[in-house]
Every structure is written in C-alpha cells, then in structure tokens.
C-alpha atoms as a PDB file:
ATOM      1  CA  UNK A   1      -0.108  -0.073  -0.217  1.00  0.00           C
ATOM      2  CA  UNK A   2       1.409   3.581  -0.817  1.00  0.00           C
ATOM      3  CA  UNK A   3      -0.016   6.863  -0.549  1.00  0.00           C
ATOM      4  CA  UNK A   4       0.550  10.584   0.834  1.00  0.00           C
ATOM      5  CA  UNK A   5       0.560   9.092   4.367  1.00  0.00           C
ATOM      6  CA  UNK A   6       2.580   5.762   3.989  1.00  0.00           C
ATOM      7  CA  UNK A   7       4.456   4.658   6.779  1.00  0.00           C
ATOM      8  CA  UNK A   8       2.705   7.401   9.254  1.00  0.00           C
ATOM      9  CA  UNK A   9       1.059   6.815  12.289  1.00  0.00           C
ATOM     10  CA  UNK A  10      -2.130   8.526  12.671  1.00  0.00           C
ATOM     11  CA  UNK A  11      -4.196   8.845  16.059  1.00  0.00           C
ATOM     12  CA  UNK A  12      -7.931   9.436  15.255  1.00  0.00           C
ATOM     13  CA  UNK A  13     -10.453   9.798  18.443  1.00  0.00           C
ATOM     14  CA  UNK A  14     -14.016   9.168  17.800  1.00  0.00           C
ATOM     15  CA  UNK A  15     -13.272   6.462  14.980  1.00  0.00           C
ATOM     16  CA  UNK A  16     -15.582   3.807  16.111  1.00  0.00           C
ATOM     17  CA  UNK A  17     -18.531   5.242  13.709  1.00  0.00           C
ATOM     18  CA  UNK A  18     -19.625   8.120  11.763  1.00  0.00           C
ATOM     19  CA  UNK A  19     -17.694  10.876  10.521  1.00  0.00           C
ATOM     20  CA  UNK A  20     -14.532   9.466  12.539  1.00  0.00           C
ATOM     21  CA  UNK A  21     -14.608   6.201  11.135  1.00  0.00           C
ATOM     22  CA  UNK A  22     -14.386   7.472   7.632  1.00  0.00           C
ATOM     23  CA  UNK A  23     -11.485  10.089   8.458  1.00  0.00           C
ATOM     24  CA  UNK A  24      -9.506   6.959   9.448  1.00  0.00           C
ATOM     25  CA  UNK A  25     -10.499   4.929   6.515  1.00  0.00           C
ATOM     26  CA  UNK A  26      -9.385   7.574   4.238  1.00  0.00           C
ATOM     27  CA  UNK A  27      -6.064   7.917   6.156  1.00  0.00           C
ATOM     28  CA  UNK A  28      -5.717   3.964   5.931  1.00  0.00           C
ATOM     29  CA  UNK A  29      -6.220   4.244   2.110  1.00  0.00           C
ATOM     30  CA  UNK A  30      -3.464   6.843   1.971  1.00  0.00           C
ATOM     31  CA  UNK A  31      -1.201   4.060   3.819  1.00  0.00           C
ATOM     32  CA  UNK A  32      -1.460   5.433   7.088  1.00  0.00           C
ATOM     33  CA  UNK A  33      -0.961   3.049  10.109  1.00  0.00           C
ATOM     34  CA  UNK A  34      -4.074   3.557  12.368  1.00  0.00           C
ATOM     35  CA  UNK A  35      -4.445   4.173  16.215  1.00  0.00           C
ATOM     36  CA  UNK A  36      -8.133   4.090  17.106  1.00  0.00           C
ATOM     37  CA  UNK A  37      -8.589   4.805  20.861  1.00  0.00           C
ATOM     38  CA  UNK A  38     -12.228   3.869  21.626  1.00  0.00           C
ATOM     39  CA  UNK A  39     -14.596   3.673  24.612  1.00  0.00           C
ATOM     40  CA  UNK A  40     -16.346   0.739  23.379  1.00  0.00           C
ATOM     41  CA  UNK A  41     -14.002  -2.243  22.595  1.00  0.00           C
ATOM     42  CA  UNK A  42     -16.788  -4.161  20.732  1.00  0.00           C
ATOM     43  CA  UNK A  43     -17.361  -0.801  18.629  1.00  0.00           C
ATOM     44  CA  UNK A  44     -13.845  -0.337  18.002  1.00  0.00           C
ATOM     45  CA  UNK A  45     -13.131  -3.719  16.483  1.00  0.00           C
ATOM     46  CA  UNK A  46     -16.316  -3.472  14.257  1.00  0.00           C
ATOM     47  CA  UNK A  47     -14.734  -0.191  13.011  1.00  0.00           C
ATOM     48  CA  UNK A  48     -11.366  -1.943  12.173  1.00  0.00           C
ATOM     49  CA  UNK A  49     -13.169  -4.762  10.514  1.00  0.00           C
ATOM     50  CA  UNK A  50     -15.137  -2.429   8.569  1.00  0.00           C
ATOM     51  CA  UNK A  51     -11.883  -0.573   7.287  1.00  0.00           C
ATOM     52  CA  UNK A  52      -9.905  -3.895   6.447  1.00  0.00           C
ATOM     53  CA  UNK A  53     -12.919  -4.817   4.214  1.00  0.00           C
ATOM     54  CA  UNK A  54     -12.251  -2.038   2.067  1.00  0.00           C
ATOM     55  CA  UNK A  55      -8.635  -1.947   2.863  1.00  0.00           C
ATOM     56  CA  UNK A  56      -7.162  -5.329   3.569  1.00  0.00           C
ATOM     57  CA  UNK A  57      -3.509  -4.480   4.075  1.00  0.00           C
ATOM     58  CA  UNK A  58      -4.834  -1.727   6.545  1.00  0.00           C
ATOM     59  CA  UNK A  59      -2.364  -1.567   9.950  1.00  0.00           C
ATOM     60  CA  UNK A  60      -4.908  -0.520  13.080  1.00  0.00           C
ATOM     61  CA  UNK A  61      -4.161  -1.023  16.426  1.00  0.00           C
ATOM     62  CA  UNK A  62      -7.268  -0.347  18.744  1.00  0.00           C
ATOM     63  CA  UNK A  63      -7.026   1.165  22.069  1.00  0.00           C
ATOM     64  CA  UNK A  64      -8.758   2.042  24.813  1.00  0.00           C
ATOM     65  CA  UNK A  65      -9.885   5.212  25.448  1.00  0.00           C
ATOM     66  CA  UNK A  66     -13.003   7.174  27.400  1.00  0.00           C
ATOM     67  CA  UNK A  67     -12.598  11.010  27.279  1.00  0.00           C
ATOM     68  CA  UNK A  68     -15.097  11.277  30.169  1.00  0.00           C
ATOM     69  CA  UNK A  69     -12.625   9.369  32.390  1.00  0.00           C
ATOM     70  CA  UNK A  70      -9.358  11.201  32.982  1.00  0.00           C
ATOM     71  CA  UNK A  71      -7.724   8.238  34.167  1.00  0.00           C
ATOM     72  CA  UNK A  72      -8.359   6.277  30.753  1.00  0.00           C
ATOM     73  CA  UNK A  73      -6.802   9.560  29.060  1.00  0.00           C
ATOM     74  CA  UNK A  74      -3.645   9.511  31.234  1.00  0.00           C
ATOM     75  CA  UNK A  75      -3.151   5.615  30.734  1.00  0.00           C
ATOM     76  CA  UNK A  76      -3.356   5.850  26.853  1.00  0.00           C
ATOM     77  CA  UNK A  77      -1.145   9.068  26.733  1.00  0.00           C
ATOM     78  CA  UNK A  78       1.472   7.253  29.034  1.00  0.00           C
ATOM     79  CA  UNK A  79       1.125   3.830  26.818  1.00  0.00           C
ATOM     80  CA  UNK A  80       2.022   5.928  23.852  1.00  0.00           C
ATOM     81  CA  UNK A  81       5.325   7.726  25.209  1.00  0.00           C
ATOM     82  CA  UNK A  82       6.152   4.546  26.830  1.00  0.00           C
ATOM     83  CA  UNK A  83       6.153   2.875  23.351  1.00  0.00           C
ATOM     84  CA  UNK A  84       7.986   6.144  22.131  1.00  0.00           C
ATOM     85  CA  UNK A  85       7.071   5.609  18.609  1.00  0.00           C
ATOM     86  CA  UNK A  86       6.068   8.843  16.591  1.00  0.00           C
ATOM     87  CA  UNK A  87       2.479  10.119  16.476  1.00  0.00           C
ATOM     88  CA  UNK A  88       2.324  11.972  13.051  1.00  0.00           C
ATOM     89  CA  UNK A  89      -1.113  12.608  12.519  1.00  0.00           C
ATOM     90  CA  UNK A  90      -3.349  13.564  15.148  1.00  0.00           C
ATOM     91  CA  UNK A  91      -7.204  14.251  14.993  1.00  0.00           C
ATOM     92  CA  UNK A  92      -9.431  15.026  17.508  1.00  0.00           C
ATOM     93  CA  UNK A  93     -12.892  13.922  16.194  1.00  0.00           C
ATOM     94  CA  UNK A  94     -14.632  12.368  19.165  1.00  0.00           C
ATOM     95  CA  UNK A  95     -17.440  14.176  20.820  1.00  0.00           C
ATOM     96  CA  UNK A  96     -20.779  14.151  22.339  1.00  0.00           C
ATOM     97  CA  UNK A  97     -24.219  15.970  21.856  1.00  0.00           C
ATOM     98  CA  UNK A  98     -26.808  14.933  24.054  1.00  0.00           C
ATOM     99  CA  UNK A  99     -29.756  16.596  22.167  1.00  0.00           C
ATOM    100  CA  UNK A 100     -33.201  15.232  23.167  1.00  0.00           C
ATOM    101  CA  UNK A 101     -31.927  14.700  26.764  1.00  0.00           C
ATOM    102  CA  UNK A 102     -32.881  17.535  29.136  1.00  0.00           C
ATOM    103  CA  UNK A 103     -30.864  15.971  32.063  1.00  0.00           C
ATOM    104  CA  UNK A 104     -27.411  17.511  33.029  1.00  0.00           C
ATOM    105  CA  UNK A 105     -25.121  14.884  33.058  1.00  0.00           C
ATOM    106  CA  UNK A 106     -21.672  14.795  35.363  1.00  0.00           C
ATOM    107  CA  UNK A 107     -18.517  12.827  35.282  1.00  0.00           C
ATOM    108  CA  UNK A 108     -17.288  11.203  38.285  1.00  0.00           C
ATOM    109  CA  UNK A 109     -15.052  14.327  39.058  1.00  0.00           C
ATOM    110  CA  UNK A 110     -18.257  16.492  38.811  1.00  0.00           C
ATOM    111  CA  UNK A 111     -17.734  17.544  35.324  1.00  0.00           C
ATOM    112  CA  UNK A 112     -20.510  18.763  33.066  1.00  0.00           C
ATOM    113  CA  UNK A 113     -20.197  15.953  30.278  1.00  0.00           C
ATOM    114  CA  UNK A 114     -20.135  17.755  27.169  1.00  0.00           C
ATOM    115  CA  UNK A 115     -17.155  19.717  28.579  1.00  0.00           C
ATOM    116  CA  UNK A 116     -15.222  17.060  29.525  1.00  0.00           C
ATOM    117  CA  UNK A 117     -15.921  14.760  26.525  1.00  0.00           C
ATOM    118  CA  UNK A 118     -15.459  17.443  23.750  1.00  0.00           C
ATOM    119  CA  UNK A 119     -12.812  19.785  25.138  1.00  0.00           C
ATOM    120  CA  UNK A 120     -11.056  18.621  28.839  1.00  0.00           C
ATOM    121  CA  UNK A 121     -10.381  15.218  27.410  1.00  0.00           C
ATOM    122  CA  UNK A 122      -8.745  16.131  24.324  1.00  0.00           C
ATOM    123  CA  UNK A 123      -6.850  19.010  26.115  1.00  0.00           C
ATOM    124  CA  UNK A 124      -5.270  16.703  28.608  1.00  0.00           C
ATOM    125  CA  UNK A 125      -4.471  14.121  25.941  1.00  0.00           C
ATOM    126  CA  UNK A 126      -2.935  16.553  23.670  1.00  0.00           C
ATOM    127  CA  UNK A 127      -0.635  17.882  26.600  1.00  0.00           C
ATOM    128  CA  UNK A 128       0.428  14.561  27.497  1.00  0.00           C
ATOM    129  CA  UNK A 129       1.227  13.657  23.952  1.00  0.00           C
ATOM    130  CA  UNK A 130       2.804  16.778  23.233  1.00  0.00           C
ATOM    131  CA  UNK A 131       6.618  15.510  23.540  1.00  0.00           C
ATOM    132  CA  UNK A 132       5.801  13.021  21.198  1.00  0.00           C
ATOM    133  CA  UNK A 133       3.646  15.618  18.572  1.00  0.00           C
ATOM    134  CA  UNK A 134       6.693  17.744  18.654  1.00  0.00           C
ATOM    135  CA  UNK A 135       9.161  15.411  18.140  1.00  0.00           C
ATOM    136  CA  UNK A 136       7.447  13.924  15.070  1.00  0.00           C
ATOM    137  CA  UNK A 137       6.452  17.467  13.819  1.00  0.00           C
ATOM    138  CA  UNK A 138       2.905  16.350  13.688  1.00  0.00           C
ATOM    139  CA  UNK A 139      -0.167  17.477  11.728  1.00  0.00           C
ATOM    140  CA  UNK A 140      -3.358  18.105  13.945  1.00  0.00           C
ATOM    141  CA  UNK A 141      -7.020  18.500  12.974  1.00  0.00           C
ATOM    142  CA  UNK A 142      -9.324  20.018  15.397  1.00  0.00           C
ATOM    143  CA  UNK A 143     -12.887  18.811  14.658  1.00  0.00           C
ATOM    144  CA  UNK A 144     -15.251  21.668  15.834  1.00  0.00           C
ATOM    145  CA  UNK A 145     -18.785  21.989  14.570  1.00  0.00           C
ATOM    146  CA  UNK A 146     -21.225  25.087  13.041  1.00  0.00           C
ATOM    147  CA  UNK A 147     -22.364  25.635  16.789  1.00  0.00           C
ATOM    148  CA  UNK A 148     -18.682  26.442  18.133  1.00  0.00           C
ATOM    149  CA  UNK A 149     -18.188  30.097  17.184  1.00  0.00           C
ATOM    150  CA  UNK A 150     -21.993  30.530  18.955  1.00  0.00           C
ATOM    151  CA  UNK A 151     -21.026  29.167  22.203  1.00  0.00           C
ATOM    152  CA  UNK A 152     -21.057  31.018  25.364  1.00  0.00           C
ATOM    153  CA  UNK A 153     -18.417  31.170  27.713  1.00  0.00           C
ATOM    154  CA  UNK A 154     -19.941  32.546  30.811  1.00  0.00           C
ATOM    155  CA  UNK A 155     -21.564  29.105  32.269  1.00  0.00           C
ATOM    156  CA  UNK A 156     -18.987  26.438  30.984  1.00  0.00           C
ATOM    157  CA  UNK A 157     -20.287  23.899  33.743  1.00  0.00           C
ATOM    158  CA  UNK A 158     -23.898  24.527  32.796  1.00  0.00           C
ATOM    159  CA  UNK A 159     -24.412  25.609  36.495  1.00  0.00           C
ATOM    160  CA  UNK A 160     -27.261  27.974  36.295  1.00  0.00           C
ATOM    161  CA  UNK A 161     -28.637  26.847  33.276  1.00  0.00           C
ATOM    162  CA  UNK A 162     -28.967  23.716  31.128  1.00  0.00           C
ATOM    163  CA  UNK A 163     -29.823  22.899  27.427  1.00  0.00           C
ATOM    164  CA  UNK A 164     -27.929  20.138  25.567  1.00  0.00           C
ATOM    165  CA  UNK A 165     -27.145  22.199  22.578  1.00  0.00           C
ATOM    166  CA  UNK A 166     -25.956  25.312  24.795  1.00  0.00           C
ATOM    167  CA  UNK A 167     -23.624  22.877  26.734  1.00  0.00           C
ATOM    168  CA  UNK A 168     -22.221  21.232  23.473  1.00  0.00           C
ATOM    169  CA  UNK A 169     -21.695  24.704  21.655  1.00  0.00           C
ATOM    170  CA  UNK A 170     -20.028  26.040  24.538  1.00  0.00           C
ATOM    171  CA  UNK A 171     -17.544  22.990  24.838  1.00  0.00           C
ATOM    172  CA  UNK A 172     -16.738  23.164  21.163  1.00  0.00           C
ATOM    173  CA  UNK A 173     -15.918  26.614  21.357  1.00  0.00           C
ATOM    174  CA  UNK A 174     -13.646  26.114  24.140  1.00  0.00           C
ATOM    175  CA  UNK A 175     -12.087  23.680  22.249  1.00  0.00           C
ATOM    176  CA  UNK A 176     -11.750  25.790  19.097  1.00  0.00           C
ATOM    177  CA  UNK A 177     -10.052  28.550  21.380  1.00  0.00           C
ATOM    178  CA  UNK A 178      -7.587  25.863  22.809  1.00  0.00           C
ATOM    179  CA  UNK A 179      -6.848  24.760  19.349  1.00  0.00           C
ATOM    180  CA  UNK A 180      -6.297  27.694  17.827  1.00  0.00           C
ATOM    181  CA  UNK A 181      -3.920  28.986  20.758  1.00  0.00           C
ATOM    182  CA  UNK A 182      -2.125  25.269  20.519  1.00  0.00           C
ATOM    183  CA  UNK A 183      -1.480  26.819  16.645  1.00  0.00           C
ATOM    184  CA  UNK A 184       0.085  30.123  17.779  1.00  0.00           C
ATOM    185  CA  UNK A 185       2.191  28.381  20.339  1.00  0.00           C
ATOM    186  CA  UNK A 186       3.361  26.274  17.770  1.00  0.00           C
ATOM    187  CA  UNK A 187       4.469  29.176  15.508  1.00  0.00           C
ATOM    188  CA  UNK A 188       5.806  31.148  18.617  1.00  0.00           C
ATOM    189  CA  UNK A 189       7.776  28.195  19.697  1.00  0.00           C
ATOM    190  CA  UNK A 190       8.796  27.189  16.217  1.00  0.00           C
ATOM    191  CA  UNK A 191       7.485  23.471  17.162  1.00  0.00           C
ATOM    192  CA  UNK A 192       6.975  22.680  13.399  1.00  0.00           C
ATOM    193  CA  UNK A 193       3.550  21.225  14.780  1.00  0.00           C
ATOM    194  CA  UNK A 194       0.794  22.342  12.020  1.00  0.00           C
ATOM    195  CA  UNK A 195      -2.469  22.617  14.032  1.00  0.00           C
ATOM    196  CA  UNK A 196      -5.472  23.330  11.871  1.00  0.00           C
ATOM    197  CA  UNK A 197      -9.075  23.732  12.472  1.00  0.00           C
ATOM    198  CA  UNK A 198     -12.155  22.276  10.506  1.00  0.00           C
ATOM    199  CA  UNK A 199     -15.797  21.245  11.285  1.00  0.00           C
ATOM    200  CA  UNK A 200     -17.909  18.767   9.164  1.00  0.00           C
ATOM    201  CA  UNK A 201     -20.850  20.866   8.493  1.00  0.00           C
ATOM    202  CA  UNK A 202     -24.151  18.935   8.731  1.00  0.00           C
ATOM    203  CA  UNK A 203     -24.419  14.980   8.655  1.00  0.00           C
ATOM    204  CA  UNK A 204     -27.352  13.517   8.990  1.00  0.00           C
ATOM    205  CA  UNK A 205     -26.163   9.953   8.791  1.00  0.00           C
ATOM    206  CA  UNK A 206     -24.255   9.438  12.079  1.00  0.00           C
ATOM    207  CA  UNK A 207     -25.533   8.354  15.343  1.00  0.00           C
ATOM    208  CA  UNK A 208     -24.988  12.140  16.733  1.00  0.00           C
ATOM    209  CA  UNK A 209     -28.205  13.340  18.777  1.00  0.00           C
ATOM    210  CA  UNK A 210     -30.057   9.932  18.394  1.00  0.00           C
ATOM    211  CA  UNK A 211     -32.688  10.596  20.690  1.00  0.00           C
ATOM    212  CA  UNK A 212     -33.582  14.042  18.935  1.00  0.00           C
ATOM    213  CA  UNK A 213     -33.588  12.580  15.550  1.00  0.00           C
ATOM    214  CA  UNK A 214     -36.368   9.843  16.530  1.00  0.00           C
ATOM    215  CA  UNK A 215     -38.477  12.878  17.730  1.00  0.00           C
ATOM    216  CA  UNK A 216     -38.056  14.969  14.664  1.00  0.00           C
ATOM    217  CA  UNK A 217     -40.800  15.162  12.106  1.00  0.00           C
ATOM    218  CA  UNK A 218     -40.457  13.096   8.873  1.00  0.00           C
ATOM    219  CA  UNK A 219     -40.602  16.136   7.065  1.00  0.00           C
ATOM    220  CA  UNK A 220     -37.422  17.955   9.216  1.00  0.00           C
ATOM    221  CA  UNK A 221     -35.493  14.645   8.748  1.00  0.00           C
ATOM    222  CA  UNK A 222     -35.840  14.681   4.878  1.00  0.00           C
ATOM    223  CA  UNK A 223     -35.051  18.426   4.933  1.00  0.00           C
ATOM    224  CA  UNK A 224     -31.805  18.006   6.937  1.00  0.00           C
ATOM    225  CA  UNK A 225     -30.504  14.951   4.826  1.00  0.00           C
ATOM    226  CA  UNK A 226     -30.756  17.226   1.846  1.00  0.00           C
ATOM    227  CA  UNK A 227     -28.708  19.345   3.000  1.00  0.00           C
ATOM    228  CA  UNK A 228     -26.338  17.780   4.582  1.00  0.00           C
ATOM    229  CA  UNK A 229     -23.169  15.362   3.778  1.00  0.00           C
ATOM    230  CA  UNK A 230     -22.658  11.606   4.333  1.00  0.00           C
ATOM    231  CA  UNK A 231     -19.820  10.924   6.813  1.00  0.00           C
ATOM    232  CA  UNK A 232     -17.475   9.918   3.903  1.00  0.00           C
ATOM    233  CA  UNK A 233     -18.148  13.326   2.653  1.00  0.00           C
ATOM    234  CA  UNK A 234     -18.097  15.178   6.109  1.00  0.00           C
ATOM    235  CA  UNK A 235     -14.586  13.642   6.629  1.00  0.00           C
ATOM    236  CA  UNK A 236     -12.842  15.825   4.011  1.00  0.00           C
ATOM    237  CA  UNK A 237     -12.313  18.962   5.870  1.00  0.00           C
ATOM    238  CA  UNK A 238     -10.672  17.176   8.589  1.00  0.00           C
ATOM    239  CA  UNK A 239      -8.827  15.326   5.862  1.00  0.00           C
ATOM    240  CA  UNK A 240      -7.910  18.630   4.205  1.00  0.00           C
ATOM    241  CA  UNK A 241      -6.882  20.103   7.424  1.00  0.00           C
ATOM    242  CA  UNK A 242      -4.254  17.534   8.062  1.00  0.00           C
ATOM    243  CA  UNK A 243      -2.985  17.890   4.391  1.00  0.00           C
ATOM    244  CA  UNK A 244      -2.604  21.487   4.865  1.00  0.00           C
ATOM    245  CA  UNK A 245       0.487  23.532   4.496  1.00  0.00           C
ATOM    246  CA  UNK A 246      -1.235  26.993   5.219  1.00  0.00           C
ATOM    247  CA  UNK A 247       0.000  28.712   8.387  1.00  0.00           C
ATOM    248  CA  UNK A 248      -1.375  26.850  11.613  1.00  0.00           C
ATOM    249  CA  UNK A 249      -4.820  27.857  12.777  1.00  0.00           C
ATOM    250  CA  UNK A 250      -6.639  28.068   9.527  1.00  0.00           C
ATOM    251  CA  UNK A 251     -10.487  27.001   9.473  1.00  0.00           C
ATOM    252  CA  UNK A 252     -11.611  24.289   6.934  1.00  0.00           C
ATOM    253  CA  UNK A 253     -15.254  23.887   6.348  1.00  0.00           C
ATOM    254  CA  UNK A 254     -17.572  22.983   3.761  1.00  0.00           C
ATOM    255  CA  UNK A 255     -17.990  25.077   0.863  1.00  0.00           C
ATOM    256  CA  UNK A 256     -21.790  25.173   0.412  1.00  0.00           C
ATOM    257  CA  UNK A 257     -23.966  27.781   1.767  1.00  0.00           C
ATOM    258  CA  UNK A 258     -23.956  28.323   5.233  1.00  0.00           C
ATOM    259  CA  UNK A 259     -20.940  25.702   5.615  1.00  0.00           C
ATOM    260  CA  UNK A 260     -23.649  23.226   5.601  1.00  0.00           C
ATOM    261  CA  UNK A 261     -22.108  20.837   2.963  1.00  0.00           C
ATOM    262  CA  UNK A 262     -19.780  20.521   0.224  1.00  0.00           C
ATOM    263  CA  UNK A 263     -15.943  20.033  -0.601  1.00  0.00           C
ATOM    264  CA  UNK A 264     -13.853  21.911   1.761  1.00  0.00           C
ATOM    265  CA  UNK A 265     -12.308  25.383   1.615  1.00  0.00           C
ATOM    266  CA  UNK A 266     -10.017  27.315   3.764  1.00  0.00           C
ATOM    267  CA  UNK A 267     -10.793  30.557   5.983  1.00  0.00           C
ATOM    268  CA  UNK A 268      -9.263  32.238   8.864  1.00  0.00           C
ATOM    269  CA  UNK A 269     -10.574  31.119  11.910  1.00  0.00           C
ATOM    270  CA  UNK A 270     -13.582  32.850  13.577  1.00  0.00           C
ATOM    271  CA  UNK A 271     -12.984  35.746  16.244  1.00  0.00           C
ATOM    272  CA  UNK A 272     -14.725  33.600  18.567  1.00  0.00           C
ATOM    273  CA  UNK A 273     -11.566  31.313  18.439  1.00  0.00           C
ATOM    274  CA  UNK A 274      -8.777  34.205  18.454  1.00  0.00           C
ATOM    275  CA  UNK A 275      -8.744  36.232  21.440  1.00  0.00           C
ATOM    276  CA  UNK A 276      -6.204  35.575  23.649  1.00  0.00           C
ATOM    277  CA  UNK A 277      -7.526  36.828  26.872  1.00  0.00           C
ATOM    278  CA  UNK A 278     -10.244  33.930  26.229  1.00  0.00           C
ATOM    279  CA  UNK A 279      -7.255  31.920  25.456  1.00  0.00           C
ATOM    280  CA  UNK A 280      -5.932  32.724  29.003  1.00  0.00           C
ATOM    281  CA  UNK A 281      -9.072  32.140  30.572  1.00  0.00           C
ATOM    282  CA  UNK A 282      -9.697  28.715  29.087  1.00  0.00           C
ATOM    283  CA  UNK A 283      -6.496  27.593  29.594  1.00  0.00           C
ATOM    284  CA  UNK A 284      -6.282  28.559  33.235  1.00  0.00           C
ATOM    285  CA  UNK A 285      -9.812  26.909  33.795  1.00  0.00           C
ATOM    286  CA  UNK A 286      -8.665  23.602  31.956  1.00  0.00           C
ATOM    287  CA  UNK A 287      -5.498  23.331  33.679  1.00  0.00           C
ATOM    288  CA  UNK A 288      -7.279  23.811  37.261  1.00  0.00           C
ATOM    289  CA  UNK A 289     -10.121  21.201  36.318  1.00  0.00           C
ATOM    290  CA  UNK A 290      -7.467  18.734  35.170  1.00  0.00           C
ATOM    291  CA  UNK A 291      -5.471  18.999  38.575  1.00  0.00           C
ATOM    292  CA  UNK A 292      -8.849  18.677  40.253  1.00  0.00           C
ATOM    293  CA  UNK A 293      -9.717  15.432  38.125  1.00  0.00           C
ATOM    294  CA  UNK A 294      -6.191  13.951  38.886  1.00  0.00           C
ATOM    295  CA  UNK A 295      -6.764  14.312  42.834  1.00  0.00           C
ATOM    296  CA  UNK A 296     -10.438  12.842  42.803  1.00  0.00           C
END
C-alpha cells in the first residue's frame, strides 16, 4: 500500500463510527498506520473490520479511551509515550451531543459531560502527548462544529442553566479556542506542529443526537438529509486540515451555503476562537479542572 501518508502513524479519536470512521478509513487508504482509541472495544473492533473490508492491508491498533474518564486519557498517553513511536497525524474528532436529553450529566469528577468529553479530555490527551507530537512535527486537525463559534463561555459547567445544545456549543468553542492557541504556540515556539481547525457541516447519517432524531418530524428529517453530507463527504474537511501547508490556525469548512455541506475550503479562524484573553482564561480553567480530576 502506498499513498500520501504511507508509514505515518495516525491517531483518530471517535473513529468507531460516523465521520471519525471515514476519516480513519481515508487515512488508511493513503497508507497511514492507524491508532483507534475507543470507548467500546466491541465498536472499535467493528470499525477495524469495516476498514479492513475496504483496505485489506490496513494496519490498525485499537486502544482504550473514554474522554469522560481522565484515568483512561492518562493511561493511553503514558502507553504511547512509553512505546516512544511517533504520532505523525492526530485528529481530535470524538465528541458527544446529548440533544433530546434534558438532564445535565456529570462525570465522576463532577464535570459537565459535554465539557469533559469534547474539550477537557482532548486538552489533557494533547498536553500529555505533546512531546511525541513535537518530536514528529505532527499534523493535527481539530474537529469543531457549526455551533462552536456561537458557544457562550460565561457558564461552561452549565451550573446556572442547562440545555444540551448550549452545553455542546460552549464545549466546542472552548476546544476551538484551545486549538487556535495551540497553533499560535507552535508558531511562536517553532515547534513545527501544524495545527488546523475544521468542522464537518451537517451530517445526518451518524449516531449523533439519536434521541432528537427519533422525535423529529419526517419532513424535517428529509429536509436535513438534503442539506447535509454523508459521513464520507463530511470527513473531507478534517482530511484537508491534516494535509494543509498553510500557516497553523486556519479553518477548514464545507464550501456550500452556510457551511452545511460541500467540498472543503479554507478560511481564517472565527474571532470567537482567536481572542488571547479568552484563551488565557480557558486554559487556566482547563488546567485547574485537570488537576482537580487527577486528585479525585
């Protein structure tokens, strides 16, 4: 097997189904050796079989990771660091959005679930893997969402008011702020790590927000399906971000109207991600919560 990423080692979170699975499949088609950290081994093994069915000589390493459980984040990072092998490509794709569920869910450490899974888990994993990523001058794609620029940062733990979409948007905006700050740190520190941001648009054919989808009127579902992309198409923005040689910190989005679907295009990161004062506040919060989680 040969291709753009032949021999490169690629870590993709959230690759057991949906867009993440198609990102991983495309990387395997281009010769990458996959690390698939998953919450469910059954689903991870099924994803590996799916990739092997279309890429028979793919090299796939299924690992354990639940971003809502900090101990698994630390365990995976320490395993990879102990092995010492490069991580050349890294896609922060995993995420949760509990649309249709009005209950505010907390982790064992008392952190709101969207915030922990979508942002803090990736923040901690990246921080722990940074020596490997810097050594290999890695390419990183950070998967955000249409909702991310509209997230509000005044109640990140959703303690005053909870709505799943509000919590999701806030967690994704926090991740976007972190991603942009990481990109700027790489430029300033001459790390050679290329961090790019992306979002997939609207993707009806995934398991995201299954409860809300079941309740939606049939006409609404058909309308959304016409507007959106398949998981395979939606994977293209992350793949474009990984392949980019642009200055770190660009944003790869679908090119159709309102960024709902279409082929990837590059644009500057939204202002919602680029305020250094917000970055300082978010990173201070992330570090304090990460320390608290390790002490729990």
